[in-house]
Amino acid sequence: MLLEGKLVRDRIPEIIREDGFEPQVYVAEPAEYRARLHAKLTEEVLEVQEADATTAPDELADVLEVVYALAADYGIDHQQLEKIRQDKADQRGGFADRIVWTGNR
């Protein structure tokens, strides 16, 4: 699905108006919204990959914002998402130990 325009944060039209312009916007239907969230997640992840130590915190926060929006779209609130994350970390661990698997013998 090729989509014109892009999903933006809720206050962006207001900010554009404050700058003296009139934004052209519409509210996406549910299926389009989910597709645009998926595209936005990809966009934000690419920005994290290109970030340096100075810009990474803002880019990671953007990824988190999109993840929270996607979770909400799937009917999962922040607390549920955190519980799922914690359960997986408890069962399988996190990534703090920097372990790289290269196969089995």
PDB file of N, CA and C in Angstrom:
ATOM      1  N   MET A   1       0.845  -1.168   0.000  1.00  0.00           N
ATOM      2  CA  MET A   1       0.000   0.000   0.000  1.00  0.00           C
ATOM      3  C   MET A   1       0.896   1.239   0.000  1.00  0.00           C
ATOM      4  N   LEU A   2       0.833   2.046  -1.046  1.00  0.00           N
ATOM      5  CA  LEU A   2       1.579   3.289  -1.142  1.00  0.00           C
ATOM      6  C   LEU A   2       0.743   4.396  -0.536  1.00  0.00           C
ATOM      7  N   LEU A   3       1.294   5.055   0.459  1.00  0.00           N
ATOM      8  CA  LEU A   3       0.548   6.065   1.187  1.00  0.00           C
ATOM      9  C   LEU A   3       1.139   7.443   0.943  1.00  0.00           C
ATOM     10  N   GLU A   4       0.281   8.409   0.610  1.00  0.00           N
ATOM     11  CA  GLU A   4       0.708   9.796   0.453  1.00  0.00           C
ATOM     12  C   GLU A   4       0.681  10.462   1.821  1.00  0.00           C
ATOM     13  N   GLY A   5       1.617  11.348   2.071  1.00  0.00           N
ATOM     14  CA  GLY A   5       1.677  12.017   3.356  1.00  0.00           C
ATOM     15  C   GLY A   5       2.304  11.109   4.396  1.00  0.00           C
ATOM     16  N   LYS A   6       2.278  11.561   5.651  1.00  0.00           N
ATOM     17  CA  LYS A   6       2.829  10.731   6.706  1.00  0.00           C
ATOM     18  C   LYS A   6       2.123  11.017   8.015  1.00  0.00           C
ATOM     19  N   LEU A   7       2.113  10.030   8.860  1.00  0.00           N
ATOM     20  CA  LEU A   7       1.535  10.154  10.188  1.00  0.00           C
ATOM     21  C   LEU A   7       2.422  11.081  11.010  1.00  0.00           C
ATOM     22  N   VAL A   8       1.796  12.056  11.672  1.00  0.00           N
ATOM     23  CA  VAL A   8       2.543  12.996  12.507  1.00  0.00           C
ATOM     24  C   VAL A   8       1.938  13.028  13.903  1.00  0.00           C
ATOM     25  N   ARG A   9       2.712  13.534  14.842  1.00  0.00           N
ATOM     26  CA  ARG A   9       2.228  13.683  16.215  1.00  0.00           C
ATOM     27  C   ARG A   9       1.019  14.611  16.243  1.00  0.00           C
ATOM     28  N   ASP A  10       0.180  14.421  17.257  1.00  0.00           N
ATOM     29  CA  ASP A  10      -1.116  15.093  17.341  1.00  0.00           C
ATOM     30  C   ASP A  10      -1.048  16.624  17.325  1.00  0.00           C
ATOM     31  N   ARG A  11      -0.016  17.199  17.872  1.00  0.00           N
ATOM     32  CA  ARG A  11       0.065  18.657  17.967  1.00  0.00           C
ATOM     33  C   ARG A  11       0.743  19.317  16.765  1.00  0.00           C
ATOM     34  N   ILE A  12       1.220  18.537  15.815  1.00  0.00           N
ATOM     35  CA  ILE A  12       1.928  19.102  14.662  1.00  0.00           C
ATOM     36  C   ILE A  12       1.059  20.087  13.881  1.00  0.00           C
ATOM     37  N   PRO A  13      -0.217  19.806  13.596  1.00  0.00           N
ATOM     38  CA  PRO A  13      -1.021  20.814  12.890  1.00  0.00           C
ATOM     39  C   PRO A  13      -1.104  22.147  13.657  1.00  0.00           C
ATOM     40  N   GLU A  14      -1.255  22.065  14.958  1.00  0.00           N
ATOM     41  CA  GLU A  14      -1.299  23.273  15.786  1.00  0.00           C
ATOM     42  C   GLU A  14       0.016  24.052  15.693  1.00  0.00           C
ATOM     43  N   ILE A  15       1.122  23.350  15.738  1.00  0.00           N
ATOM     44  CA  ILE A  15       2.439  23.985  15.653  1.00  0.00           C
ATOM     45  C   ILE A  15       2.625  24.641  14.288  1.00  0.00           C
ATOM     46  N   ILE A  16       2.169  23.978  13.237  1.00  0.00           N
ATOM     47  CA  ILE A  16       2.250  24.544  11.886  1.00  0.00           C
ATOM     48  C   ILE A  16       1.424  25.824  11.814  1.00  0.00           C
ATOM     49  N   ARG A  17       0.220  25.808  12.393  1.00  0.00           N
ATOM     50  CA  ARG A  17      -0.625  27.012  12.403  1.00  0.00           C
ATOM     51  C   ARG A  17       0.049  28.158  13.148  1.00  0.00           C
ATOM     52  N   GLU A  18       0.694  27.837  14.274  1.00  0.00           N
ATOM     53  CA  GLU A  18       1.409  28.870  15.043  1.00  0.00           C
ATOM     54  C   GLU A  18       2.519  29.496  14.216  1.00  0.00           C
ATOM     55  N   ASP A  19       3.047  28.744  13.246  1.00  0.00           N
ATOM     56  CA  ASP A  19       4.090  29.261  12.360  1.00  0.00           C
ATOM     57  C   ASP A  19       3.514  30.029  11.174  1.00  0.00           C
ATOM     58  N   GLY A  20       2.181  30.182  11.135  1.00  0.00           N
ATOM     59  CA  GLY A  20       1.552  30.992  10.101  1.00  0.00           C
ATOM     60  C   GLY A  20       1.125  30.250   8.856  1.00  0.00           C
ATOM     61  N   PHE A  21       1.105  28.926   8.904  1.00  0.00           N
ATOM     62  CA  PHE A  21       0.701  28.127   7.748  1.00  0.00           C
ATOM     63  C   PHE A  21      -0.579  27.370   8.067  1.00  0.00           C
ATOM     64  N   GLU A  22      -1.241  26.892   7.014  1.00  0.00           N
ATOM     65  CA  GLU A  22      -2.446  26.084   7.196  1.00  0.00           C
ATOM     66  C   GLU A  22      -2.144  24.661   6.731  1.00  0.00           C
ATOM     67  N   PRO A  23      -2.050  23.716   7.675  1.00  0.00           N
ATOM     68  CA  PRO A  23      -1.710  22.348   7.300  1.00  0.00           C
ATOM     69  C   PRO A  23      -2.873  21.645   6.595  1.00  0.00           C
ATOM     70  N   GLN A  24      -2.546  20.790   5.657  1.00  0.00           N
ATOM     71  CA  GLN A  24      -3.529  19.959   4.988  1.00  0.00           C
ATOM     72  C   GLN A  24      -3.473  18.591   5.655  1.00  0.00           C
ATOM     73  N   VAL A  25      -4.511  18.245   6.408  1.00  0.00           N
ATOM     74  CA  VAL A  25      -4.513  17.010   7.182  1.00  0.00           C
ATOM     75  C   VAL A  25      -5.871  16.322   7.099  1.00  0.00           C
ATOM     76  N   TYR A  26      -5.891  15.062   7.478  1.00  0.00           N
ATOM     77  CA  TYR A  26      -7.140  14.328   7.675  1.00  0.00           C
ATOM     78  C   TYR A  26      -6.886  13.256   8.721  1.00  0.00           C
ATOM     79  N   VAL A  27      -7.947  12.672   9.252  1.00  0.00           N
ATOM     80  CA  VAL A  27      -7.839  11.619  10.247  1.00  0.00           C
ATOM     81  C   VAL A  27      -7.940  10.275   9.535  1.00  0.00           C
ATOM     82  N   ALA A  28      -6.950   9.435   9.734  1.00  0.00           N
ATOM     83  CA  ALA A  28      -6.899   8.126   9.075  1.00  0.00           C
ATOM     84  C   ALA A  28      -7.955   7.186   9.645  1.00  0.00           C
ATOM     85  N   GLU A  29      -8.508   6.364   8.786  1.00  0.00           N
ATOM     86  CA  GLU A  29      -9.392   5.287   9.219  1.00  0.00           C
ATOM     87  C   GLU A  29      -8.538   4.224   9.923  1.00  0.00           C
ATOM     88  N   PRO A  30      -9.163   3.332  10.708  1.00  0.00           N
ATOM     89  CA  PRO A  30      -8.388   2.369  11.509  1.00  0.00           C
ATOM     90  C   PRO A  30      -7.356   1.543  10.743  1.00  0.00           C
ATOM     91  N   ALA A  31      -7.707   0.991   9.604  1.00  0.00           N
ATOM     92  CA  ALA A  31      -6.750   0.153   8.864  1.00  0.00           C
ATOM     93  C   ALA A  31      -5.587   0.987   8.339  1.00  0.00           C
ATOM     94  N   GLU A  32      -5.880   2.170   7.855  1.00  0.00           N
ATOM     95  CA  GLU A  32      -4.818   3.055   7.371  1.00  0.00           C
ATOM     96  C   GLU A  32      -3.929   3.498   8.533  1.00  0.00           C
ATOM     97  N   TYR A  33      -4.554   3.798   9.671  1.00  0.00           N
ATOM     98  CA  TYR A  33      -3.803   4.215  10.855  1.00  0.00           C
ATOM     99  C   TYR A  33      -2.781   3.145  11.250  1.00  0.00           C
ATOM    100  N   ARG A  34      -3.212   1.890  11.295  1.00  0.00           N
ATOM    101  CA  ARG A  34      -2.299   0.814  11.665  1.00  0.00           C
ATOM    102  C   ARG A  34      -1.171   0.697  10.636  1.00  0.00           C
ATOM    103  N   ALA A  35      -1.504   0.783   9.358  1.00  0.00           N
ATOM    104  CA  ALA A  35      -0.471   0.708   8.320  1.00  0.00           C
ATOM    105  C   ALA A  35       0.509   1.872   8.454  1.00  0.00           C
ATOM    106  N   ARG A  36      -0.007   3.033   8.756  1.00  0.00           N
ATOM    107  CA  ARG A  36       0.864   4.205   8.924  1.00  0.00           C
ATOM    108  C   ARG A  36       1.715   4.089  10.188  1.00  0.00           C
ATOM    109  N   LEU A  37       1.181   3.495  11.242  1.00  0.00           N
ATOM    110  CA  LEU A  37       1.994   3.263  12.445  1.00  0.00           C
ATOM    111  C   LEU A  37       3.144   2.310  12.134  1.00  0.00           C
ATOM    112  N   HIS A  38       2.871   1.266  11.364  1.00  0.00           N
ATOM    113  CA  HIS A  38       3.937   0.333  10.974  1.00  0.00           C
ATOM    114  C   HIS A  38       5.009   1.066  10.172  1.00  0.00           C
ATOM    115  N   ALA A  39       4.583   1.905   9.236  1.00  0.00           N
ATOM    116  CA  ALA A  39       5.543   2.679   8.435  1.00  0.00           C
ATOM    117  C   ALA A  39       6.318   3.653   9.320  1.00  0.00           C
ATOM    118  N   LYS A  40       5.636   4.267  10.273  1.00  0.00           N
ATOM    119  CA  LYS A  40       6.287   5.214  11.175  1.00  0.00           C
ATOM    120  C   LYS A  40       7.312   4.508  12.048  1.00  0.00           C
ATOM    121  N   LEU A  41       7.008   3.303  12.488  1.00  0.00           N
ATOM    122  CA  LEU A  41       7.952   2.543  13.296  1.00  0.00           C
ATOM    123  C   LEU A  41       9.235   2.287  12.501  1.00  0.00           C
ATOM    124  N   THR A  42       9.088   1.895  11.256  1.00  0.00           N
ATOM    125  CA  THR A  42      10.252   1.675  10.398  1.00  0.00           C
ATOM    126  C   THR A  42      11.052   2.965  10.242  1.00  0.00           C
ATOM    127  N   GLU A  43      10.363   4.069  10.000  1.00  0.00           N
ATOM    128  CA  GLU A  43      11.022   5.372   9.860  1.00  0.00           C
ATOM    129  C   GLU A  43      11.817   5.722  11.125  1.00  0.00           C
ATOM    130  N   GLU A  44      11.186   5.550  12.269  1.00  0.00           N
ATOM    131  CA  GLU A  44      11.846   5.916  13.529  1.00  0.00           C
ATOM    132  C   GLU A  44      13.015   4.992  13.852  1.00  0.00           C
ATOM    133  N   VAL A  45      12.882   3.703  13.552  1.00  0.00           N
ATOM    134  CA  VAL A  45      13.988   2.772  13.784  1.00  0.00           C
ATOM    135  C   VAL A  45      15.180   3.142  12.900  1.00  0.00           C
ATOM    136  N   LEU A  46      14.930   3.507  11.661  1.00  0.00           N
ATOM    137  CA  LEU A  46      16.019   3.939  10.776  1.00  0.00           C
ATOM    138  C   LEU A  46      16.712   5.174  11.341  1.00  0.00           C
ATOM    139  N   GLU A  47      15.946   6.082  11.925  1.00  0.00           N
ATOM    140  CA  GLU A  47      16.543   7.275  12.522  1.00  0.00           C
ATOM    141  C   GLU A  47      17.406   6.914  13.731  1.00  0.00           C
ATOM    142  N   VAL A  48      17.000   5.914  14.511  1.00  0.00           N
ATOM    143  CA  VAL A  48      17.832   5.452  15.624  1.00  0.00           C
ATOM    144  C   VAL A  48      19.142   4.882  15.079  1.00  0.00           C
ATOM    145  N   GLN A  49      19.049   4.108  14.023  1.00  0.00           N
ATOM    146  CA  GLN A  49      20.252   3.495  13.458  1.00  0.00           C
ATOM    147  C   GLN A  49      21.235   4.538  12.946  1.00  0.00           C
ATOM    148  N   GLU A  50      20.739   5.689  12.531  1.00  0.00           N
ATOM    149  CA  GLU A  50      21.599   6.756  12.024  1.00  0.00           C
ATOM    150  C   GLU A  50      22.027   7.732  13.115  1.00  0.00           C
ATOM    151  N   ALA A  51      21.492   7.586  14.309  1.00  0.00           N
ATOM    152  CA  ALA A  51      21.746   8.539  15.391  1.00  0.00           C
ATOM    153  C   ALA A  51      23.127   8.344  16.005  1.00  0.00           C
ATOM    154  N   ASP A  52      23.584   9.404  16.657  1.00  0.00           N
ATOM    155  CA  ASP A  52      24.799   9.311  17.450  1.00  0.00           C
ATOM    156  C   ASP A  52      24.389   9.400  18.924  1.00  0.00           C
ATOM    157  N   ALA A  53      25.371   9.420  19.805  1.00  0.00           N
ATOM    158  CA  ALA A  53      25.080   9.421  21.244  1.00  0.00           C
ATOM    159  C   ALA A  53      24.262  10.641  21.666  1.00  0.00           C
ATOM    160  N   THR A  54      24.392  11.733  20.945  1.00  0.00           N
ATOM    161  CA  THR A  54      23.654  12.951  21.284  1.00  0.00           C
ATOM    162  C   THR A  54      22.194  12.878  20.859  1.00  0.00           C
ATOM    163  N   THR A  55      21.933  12.359  19.671  1.00  0.00           N
ATOM    164  CA  THR A  55      20.566  12.340  19.140  1.00  0.00           C
ATOM    165  C   THR A  55      19.808  11.048  19.459  1.00  0.00           C
ATOM    166  N   ALA A  56      20.511  10.007  19.862  1.00  0.00           N
ATOM    167  CA  ALA A  56      19.871   8.712  20.124  1.00  0.00           C
ATOM    168  C   ALA A  56      18.751   8.779  21.159  1.00  0.00           C
ATOM    169  N   PRO A  57      18.897   9.496  22.280  1.00  0.00           N
ATOM    170  CA  PRO A  57      17.794   9.507  23.249  1.00  0.00           C
ATOM    171  C   PRO A  57      16.475  10.009  22.663  1.00  0.00           C
ATOM    172  N   ASP A  58      16.511  11.096  21.885  1.00  0.00           N
ATOM    173  CA  ASP A  58      15.282  11.603  21.263  1.00  0.00           C
ATOM    174  C   ASP A  58      14.711  10.604  20.261  1.00  0.00           C
ATOM    175  N   GLU A  59      15.583   9.982  19.488  1.00  0.00           N
ATOM    176  CA  GLU A  59      15.112   9.022  18.489  1.00  0.00           C
ATOM    177  C   GLU A  59      14.529   7.780  19.158  1.00  0.00           C
ATOM    178  N   LEU A  60      15.148   7.325  20.233  1.00  0.00           N
ATOM    179  CA  LEU A  60      14.611   6.177  20.967  1.00  0.00           C
ATOM    180  C   LEU A  60      13.256   6.512  21.586  1.00  0.00           C
ATOM    181  N   ALA A  61      13.100   7.741  22.079  1.00  0.00           N
ATOM    182  CA  ALA A  61      11.807   8.165  22.624  1.00  0.00           C
ATOM    183  C   ALA A  61      10.740   8.166  21.537  1.00  0.00           C
ATOM    184  N   ASP A  62      11.113   8.558  20.315  1.00  0.00           N
ATOM    185  CA  ASP A  62      10.167   8.513  19.199  1.00  0.00           C
ATOM    186  C   ASP A  62       9.738   7.080  18.899  1.00  0.00           C
ATOM    187  N   VAL A  63      10.693   6.148  18.915  1.00  0.00           N
ATOM    188  CA  VAL A  63      10.358   4.730  18.702  1.00  0.00           C
ATOM    189  C   VAL A  63       9.378   4.271  19.773  1.00  0.00           C
ATOM    190  N   LEU A  64       9.673   4.609  21.019  1.00  0.00           N
ATOM    191  CA  LEU A  64       8.811   4.207  22.122  1.00  0.00           C
ATOM    192  C   LEU A  64       7.403   4.776  21.964  1.00  0.00           C
ATOM    193  N   GLU A  65       7.291   6.022  21.534  1.00  0.00           N
ATOM    194  CA  GLU A  65       5.975   6.642  21.319  1.00  0.00           C
ATOM    195  C   GLU A  65       5.178   5.872  20.274  1.00  0.00           C
ATOM    196  N   VAL A  66       5.840   5.471  19.190  1.00  0.00           N
ATOM    197  CA  VAL A  66       5.153   4.702  18.144  1.00  0.00           C
ATOM    198  C   VAL A  66       4.783   3.316  18.665  1.00  0.00           C
ATOM    199  N   VAL A  67       5.665   2.689  19.430  1.00  0.00           N
ATOM    200  CA  VAL A  67       5.367   1.366  20.004  1.00  0.00           C
ATOM    201  C   VAL A  67       4.150   1.466  20.915  1.00  0.00           C
ATOM    202  N   TYR A  68       4.093   2.497  21.753  1.00  0.00           N
ATOM    203  CA  TYR A  68       2.925   2.672  22.622  1.00  0.00           C
ATOM    204  C   TYR A  68       1.648   2.876  21.806  1.00  0.00           C
ATOM    205  N   ALA A  69       1.728   3.643  20.722  1.00  0.00           N
ATOM    206  CA  ALA A  69       0.553   3.862  19.872  1.00  0.00           C
ATOM    207  C   ALA A  69       0.120   2.555  19.204  1.00  0.00           C
ATOM    208  N   LEU A  70       1.081   1.778  18.728  1.00  0.00           N
ATOM    209  CA  LEU A  70       0.743   0.482  18.128  1.00  0.00           C
ATOM    210  C   LEU A  70       0.135  -0.457  19.152  1.00  0.00           C
ATOM    211  N   ALA A  71       0.723  -0.488  20.333  1.00  0.00           N
ATOM    212  CA  ALA A  71       0.176  -1.343  21.391  1.00  0.00           C
ATOM    213  C   ALA A  71      -1.269  -0.948  21.678  1.00  0.00           C
ATOM    214  N   ALA A  72      -1.527   0.337  21.819  1.00  0.00           N
ATOM    215  CA  ALA A  72      -2.893   0.805  22.075  1.00  0.00           C
ATOM    216  C   ALA A  72      -3.827   0.408  20.945  1.00  0.00           C
ATOM    217  N   ASP A  73      -3.335   0.492  19.702  1.00  0.00           N
ATOM    218  CA  ASP A  73      -4.151   0.101  18.552  1.00  0.00           C
ATOM    219  C   ASP A  73      -4.493  -1.379  18.592  1.00  0.00           C
ATOM    220  N   TYR A  74      -3.618  -2.192  19.171  1.00  0.00           N
ATOM    221  CA  TYR A  74      -3.876  -3.614  19.345  1.00  0.00           C
ATOM    222  C   TYR A  74      -4.610  -3.918  20.646  1.00  0.00           C
ATOM    223  N   GLY A  75      -4.970  -2.880  21.395  1.00  0.00           N
ATOM    224  CA  GLY A  75      -5.723  -3.066  22.625  1.00  0.00           C
ATOM    225  C   GLY A  75      -4.867  -3.396  23.837  1.00  0.00           C
ATOM    226  N   ILE A  76      -3.591  -3.017  23.793  1.00  0.00           N
ATOM    227  CA  ILE A  76      -2.664  -3.310  24.881  1.00  0.00           C
ATOM    228  C   ILE A  76      -2.228  -1.989  25.508  1.00  0.00           C
ATOM    229  N   ASP A  77      -2.430  -1.833  26.820  1.00  0.00           N
ATOM    230  CA  ASP A  77      -2.004  -0.584  27.457  1.00  0.00           C
ATOM    231  C   ASP A  77      -0.545  -0.689  27.909  1.00  0.00           C
ATOM    232  N   HIS A  78       0.009   0.438  28.377  1.00  0.00           N
ATOM    233  CA  HIS A  78       1.422   0.490  28.774  1.00  0.00           C
ATOM    234  C   HIS A  78       1.764  -0.559  29.818  1.00  0.00           C
ATOM    235  N   GLN A  79       0.872  -0.712  30.798  1.00  0.00           N
ATOM    236  CA  GLN A  79       1.140  -1.664  31.877  1.00  0.00           C
ATOM    237  C   GLN A  79       1.172  -3.101  31.354  1.00  0.00           C
ATOM    238  N   GLN A  80       0.235  -3.443  30.495  1.00  0.00           N
ATOM    239  CA  GLN A  80       0.227  -4.787  29.910  1.00  0.00           C
ATOM    240  C   GLN A  80       1.497  -5.024  29.091  1.00  0.00           C
ATOM    241  N   LEU A  81       1.868  -4.030  28.304  1.00  0.00           N
ATOM    242  CA  LEU A  81       3.057  -4.159  27.471  1.00  0.00           C
ATOM    243  C   LEU A  81       4.296  -4.350  28.340  1.00  0.00           C
ATOM    244  N   GLU A  82       4.410  -3.580  29.399  1.00  0.00           N
ATOM    245  CA  GLU A  82       5.547  -3.710  30.305  1.00  0.00           C
ATOM    246  C   GLU A  82       5.553  -5.074  30.984  1.00  0.00           C
ATOM    247  N   LYS A  83       4.374  -5.584  31.358  1.00  0.00           N
ATOM    248  CA  LYS A  83       4.309  -6.912  31.983  1.00  0.00           C
ATOM    249  C   LYS A  83       4.773  -7.984  31.004  1.00  0.00           C
ATOM    250  N   ILE A  84       4.341  -7.898  29.762  1.00  0.00           N
ATOM    251  CA  ILE A  84       4.773  -8.853  28.737  1.00  0.00           C
ATOM    252  C   ILE A  84       6.284  -8.774  28.559  1.00  0.00           C
ATOM    253  N   ARG A  85       6.804  -7.546  28.488  1.00  0.00           N
ATOM    254  CA  ARG A  85       8.252  -7.361  28.345  1.00  0.00           C
ATOM    255  C   ARG A  85       9.003  -7.965  29.527  1.00  0.00           C
ATOM    256  N   GLN A  86       8.512  -7.688  30.738  1.00  0.00           N
ATOM    257  CA  GLN A  86       9.171  -8.192  31.944  1.00  0.00           C
ATOM    258  C   GLN A  86       9.111  -9.714  32.018  1.00  0.00           C
ATOM    259  N   ASP A  87       7.958 -10.292  31.682  1.00  0.00           N
ATOM    260  CA  ASP A  87       7.829 -11.751  31.676  1.00  0.00           C
ATOM    261  C   ASP A  87       8.830 -12.391  30.707  1.00  0.00           C
ATOM    262  N   LYS A  88       8.955 -11.801  29.513  1.00  0.00           N
ATOM    263  CA  LYS A  88       9.916 -12.335  28.544  1.00  0.00           C
ATOM    264  C   LYS A  88      11.340 -12.189  29.059  1.00  0.00           C
ATOM    265  N   ALA A  89      11.631 -11.047  29.684  1.00  0.00           N
ATOM    266  CA  ALA A  89      12.974 -10.840  30.243  1.00  0.00           C
ATOM    267  C   ALA A  89      13.260 -11.844  31.354  1.00  0.00           C
ATOM    268  N   ASP A  90      12.260 -12.112  32.182  1.00  0.00           N
ATOM    269  CA  ASP A  90      12.433 -13.086  33.263  1.00  0.00           C
ATOM    270  C   ASP A  90      12.678 -14.485  32.708  1.00  0.00           C
ATOM    271  N   GLN A  91      11.959 -14.846  31.650  1.00  0.00           N
ATOM    272  CA  GLN A  91      12.059 -16.191  31.079  1.00  0.00           C
ATOM    273  C   GLN A  91      13.282 -16.369  30.176  1.00  0.00           C
ATOM    274  N   ARG A  92      13.602 -15.346  29.390  1.00  0.00           N
ATOM    275  CA  ARG A  92      14.634 -15.490  28.367  1.00  0.00           C
ATOM    276  C   ARG A  92      15.814 -14.542  28.536  1.00  0.00           C
ATOM    277  N   GLY A  93      15.675 -13.593  29.471  1.00  0.00           N
ATOM    278  CA  GLY A  93      16.723 -12.609  29.680  1.00  0.00           C
ATOM    279  C   GLY A  93      16.509 -11.383  28.815  1.00  0.00           C
ATOM    280  N   GLY A  94      17.402 -10.431  29.006  1.00  0.00           N
ATOM    281  CA  GLY A  94      17.374  -9.199  28.203  1.00  0.00           C
ATOM    282  C   GLY A  94      18.536  -9.218  27.221  1.00  0.00           C
ATOM    283  N   PHE A  95      19.151  -8.071  27.025  1.00  0.00           N
ATOM    284  CA  PHE A  95      20.274  -7.968  26.094  1.00  0.00           C
ATOM    285  C   PHE A  95      21.502  -7.323  26.733  1.00  0.00           C
ATOM    286  N   ALA A  96      21.471  -7.136  28.043  1.00  0.00           N
ATOM    287  CA  ALA A  96      22.546  -6.432  28.747  1.00  0.00           C
ATOM    288  C   ALA A  96      23.880  -7.161  28.672  1.00  0.00           C
ATOM    289  N   ASP A  97      23.874  -8.478  28.571  1.00  0.00           N
ATOM    290  CA  ASP A  97      25.121  -9.241  28.560  1.00  0.00           C
ATOM    291  C   ASP A  97      25.806  -9.271  27.186  1.00  0.00           C
ATOM    292  N   ARG A  98      25.162  -8.708  26.169  1.00  0.00           N
ATOM    293  CA  ARG A  98      25.734  -8.566  24.818  1.00  0.00           C
ATOM    294  C   ARG A  98      26.104  -9.905  24.182  1.00  0.00           C
ATOM    295  N   ILE A  99      25.331 -10.946  24.454  1.00  0.00           N
ATOM    296  CA  ILE A  99      25.614 -12.296  23.948  1.00  0.00           C
ATOM    297  C   ILE A  99      25.241 -12.392  22.471  1.00  0.00           C
ATOM    298  N   VAL A 100      26.151 -12.932  21.680  1.00  0.00           N
ATOM    299  CA  VAL A 100      25.912 -13.160  20.248  1.00  0.00           C
ATOM    300  C   VAL A 100      25.941 -14.655  20.008  1.00  0.00           C
ATOM    301  N   TRP A 101      24.870 -15.221  19.484  1.00  0.00           N
ATOM    302  CA  TRP A 101      24.781 -16.657  19.190  1.00  0.00           C
ATOM    303  C   TRP A 101      25.270 -16.873  17.762  1.00  0.00           C
ATOM    304  N   THR A 102      26.111 -17.870  17.565  1.00  0.00           N
ATOM    305  CA  THR A 102      26.641 -18.165  16.226  1.00  0.00           C
ATOM    306  C   THR A 102      26.264 -19.555  15.741  1.00  0.00           C
ATOM    307  N   GLY A 103      25.400 -20.254  16.466  1.00  0.00           N
ATOM    308  CA  GLY A 103      24.968 -21.576  16.038  1.00  0.00           C
ATOM    309  C   GLY A 103      25.198 -22.600  17.132  1.00  0.00           C
ATOM    310  N   ASN A 104      24.929 -23.867  16.802  1.00  0.00           N
ATOM    311  CA  ASN A 104      25.090 -24.989  17.733  1.00  0.00           C
ATOM    312  C   ASN A 104      26.116 -25.962  17.181  1.00  0.00           C
ATOM    313  N   ARG A 105      26.699 -26.753  18.050  1.00  0.00           N
ATOM    314  CA  ARG A 105      27.630 -27.816  17.641  1.00  0.00           C
ATOM    315  C   ARG A 105      26.972 -29.150  17.814  1.00  0.00           C
TER     316      ARG A 105
END
